[in-house]
């Protein structure tokens, strides 16, 4: 996830430099790299999907880590909803 965040940060800086303003979203920052010719169109779209997935993880991770779980009390993981 750190590499995705770094790629997003770099894409935003390039976007601001090339377009004069930051992209509207993380996925848009990757697509913008495709539009200005730094990435191929297909790679830009794959990177945009990675940026979207990063957003999903970062916004739902808090819900995952707050689940009650205590291995010392004998808790085990049998299924993830």
C-alpha atoms as a PDB file:
ATOM      1  CA  UNK A   1       0.000   0.000   0.000  1.00  0.00           C
ATOM      2  CA  UNK A   2       2.934   2.349   0.677  1.00  0.00           C
ATOM      3  CA  UNK A   3       4.082   2.006  -2.931  1.00  0.00           C
ATOM      4  CA  UNK A   4       0.604   2.880  -4.176  1.00  0.00           C
ATOM      5  CA  UNK A   5       0.508   5.937  -1.916  1.00  0.00           C
ATOM      6  CA  UNK A   6       3.931   7.011  -3.176  1.00  0.00           C
ATOM      7  CA  UNK A   7       2.824   6.566  -6.793  1.00  0.00           C
ATOM      8  CA  UNK A   8      -0.287   8.667  -6.099  1.00  0.00           C
ATOM      9  CA  UNK A   9       1.802  11.408  -4.475  1.00  0.00           C
ATOM     10  CA  UNK A  10       4.169  11.487  -7.450  1.00  0.00           C
ATOM     11  CA  UNK A  11       1.277  11.487  -9.937  1.00  0.00           C
ATOM     12  CA  UNK A  12      -0.380  14.389  -8.106  1.00  0.00           C
ATOM     13  CA  UNK A  13       2.828  16.437  -8.208  1.00  0.00           C
ATOM     14  CA  UNK A  14       3.337  15.749 -11.900  1.00  0.00           C
ATOM     15  CA  UNK A  15      -0.312  16.569 -12.557  1.00  0.00           C
ATOM     16  CA  UNK A  16      -0.046  19.885 -10.720  1.00  0.00           C
ATOM     17  CA  UNK A  17       3.115  20.762 -12.649  1.00  0.00           C
ATOM     18  CA  UNK A  18       1.763  19.749 -16.063  1.00  0.00           C
ATOM     19  CA  UNK A  19      -1.870  20.839 -15.731  1.00  0.00           C
ATOM     20  CA  UNK A  20      -1.579  23.674 -13.222  1.00  0.00           C
ATOM     21  CA  UNK A  21      -3.926  22.030 -10.737  1.00  0.00           C
ATOM     22  CA  UNK A  22      -4.099  18.782  -8.778  1.00  0.00           C
ATOM     23  CA  UNK A  23      -6.216  15.921 -10.131  1.00  0.00           C
ATOM     24  CA  UNK A  24      -9.740  15.547  -8.746  1.00  0.00           C
ATOM     25  CA  UNK A  25      -9.075  12.126  -7.191  1.00  0.00           C
ATOM     26  CA  UNK A  26      -6.414   9.484  -6.709  1.00  0.00           C
ATOM     27  CA  UNK A  27      -7.596   7.430  -9.712  1.00  0.00           C
ATOM     28  CA  UNK A  28      -7.791  10.631 -11.779  1.00  0.00           C
ATOM     29  CA  UNK A  29      -4.151  11.342 -10.980  1.00  0.00           C
ATOM     30  CA  UNK A  30      -3.173   8.047 -12.620  1.00  0.00           C
ATOM     31  CA  UNK A  31      -5.393   8.605 -15.644  1.00  0.00           C
ATOM     32  CA  UNK A  32      -3.889  12.065 -16.016  1.00  0.00           C
ATOM     33  CA  UNK A  33      -0.440  10.457 -16.378  1.00  0.00           C
ATOM     34  CA  UNK A  34      -1.859   8.502 -19.304  1.00  0.00           C
ATOM     35  CA  UNK A  35      -3.358  11.620 -20.860  1.00  0.00           C
ATOM     36  CA  UNK A  36      -0.052  13.490 -20.799  1.00  0.00           C
ATOM     37  CA  UNK A  37       1.882  10.491 -22.162  1.00  0.00           C
ATOM     38  CA  UNK A  38       3.880   9.430 -19.108  1.00  0.00           C
ATOM     39  CA  UNK A  39       2.041   6.105 -18.839  1.00  0.00           C
ATOM     40  CA  UNK A  40       0.374   4.074 -21.555  1.00  0.00           C
ATOM     41  CA  UNK A  41      -3.400   4.182 -21.485  1.00  0.00           C
ATOM     42  CA  UNK A  42      -3.701   0.599 -20.265  1.00  0.00           C
ATOM     43  CA  UNK A  43      -1.111   1.047 -17.506  1.00  0.00           C
ATOM     44  CA  UNK A  44      -2.735   4.309 -16.428  1.00  0.00           C
ATOM     45  CA  UNK A  45      -6.064   2.478 -16.076  1.00  0.00           C
ATOM     46  CA  UNK A  46      -4.472  -0.361 -14.100  1.00  0.00           C
ATOM     47  CA  UNK A  47      -2.838   2.195 -11.807  1.00  0.00           C
ATOM     48  CA  UNK A  48      -6.191   3.984 -11.430  1.00  0.00           C
ATOM     49  CA  UNK A  49      -7.757   0.697 -10.341  1.00  0.00           C
ATOM     50  CA  UNK A  50      -4.935   0.248  -7.815  1.00  0.00           C
ATOM     51  CA  UNK A  51      -5.557   3.762  -6.497  1.00  0.00           C
ATOM     52  CA  UNK A  52      -9.281   2.976  -6.140  1.00  0.00           C
ATOM     53  CA  UNK A  53      -8.460  -0.239  -4.279  1.00  0.00           C
ATOM     54  CA  UNK A  54      -6.108   1.701  -1.991  1.00  0.00           C
ATOM     55  CA  UNK A  55      -8.998   4.059  -1.196  1.00  0.00           C
ATOM     56  CA  UNK A  56     -11.280   1.144  -0.351  1.00  0.00           C
ATOM     57  CA  UNK A  57      -8.657  -0.397   1.926  1.00  0.00           C
ATOM     58  CA  UNK A  58      -7.818   2.834   3.702  1.00  0.00           C
ATOM     59  CA  UNK A  59     -11.466   3.703   4.346  1.00  0.00           C
ATOM     60  CA  UNK A  60     -12.545   0.248   5.538  1.00  0.00           C
ATOM     61  CA  UNK A  61      -9.403  -0.845   7.391  1.00  0.00           C
ATOM     62  CA  UNK A  62     -10.562   0.859  10.586  1.00  0.00           C
ATOM     63  CA  UNK A  63     -13.667  -1.324  10.587  1.00  0.00           C
ATOM     64  CA  UNK A  64     -11.573  -4.447  10.186  1.00  0.00           C
ATOM     65  CA  UNK A  65      -9.115  -3.764  13.006  1.00  0.00           C
ATOM     66  CA  UNK A  66     -11.811  -2.850  15.528  1.00  0.00           C
ATOM     67  CA  UNK A  67     -13.365  -6.309  15.492  1.00  0.00           C
ATOM     68  CA  UNK A  68     -13.119  -7.935  18.932  1.00  0.00           C
ATOM     69  CA  UNK A  69     -10.401 -10.560  18.770  1.00  0.00           C
ATOM     70  CA  UNK A  70      -8.288 -11.908  21.605  1.00  0.00           C
ATOM     71  CA  UNK A  71      -6.018 -14.854  20.790  1.00  0.00           C
ATOM     72  CA  UNK A  72      -5.022 -15.076  24.470  1.00  0.00           C
ATOM     73  CA  UNK A  73      -8.656 -15.829  25.277  1.00  0.00           C
ATOM     74  CA  UNK A  74      -8.746 -18.590  22.664  1.00  0.00           C
ATOM     75  CA  UNK A  75     -10.315 -16.558  19.849  1.00  0.00           C
ATOM     76  CA  UNK A  76      -9.615 -17.929  16.378  1.00  0.00           C
ATOM     77  CA  UNK A  77     -10.456 -16.745  12.889  1.00  0.00           C
ATOM     78  CA  UNK A  78     -12.715 -19.166  11.027  1.00  0.00           C
ATOM     79  CA  UNK A  79     -14.335 -16.874   8.440  1.00  0.00           C
ATOM     80  CA  UNK A  80     -14.137 -13.308   7.256  1.00  0.00           C
ATOM     81  CA  UNK A  81     -17.507 -11.797   6.360  1.00  0.00           C
END
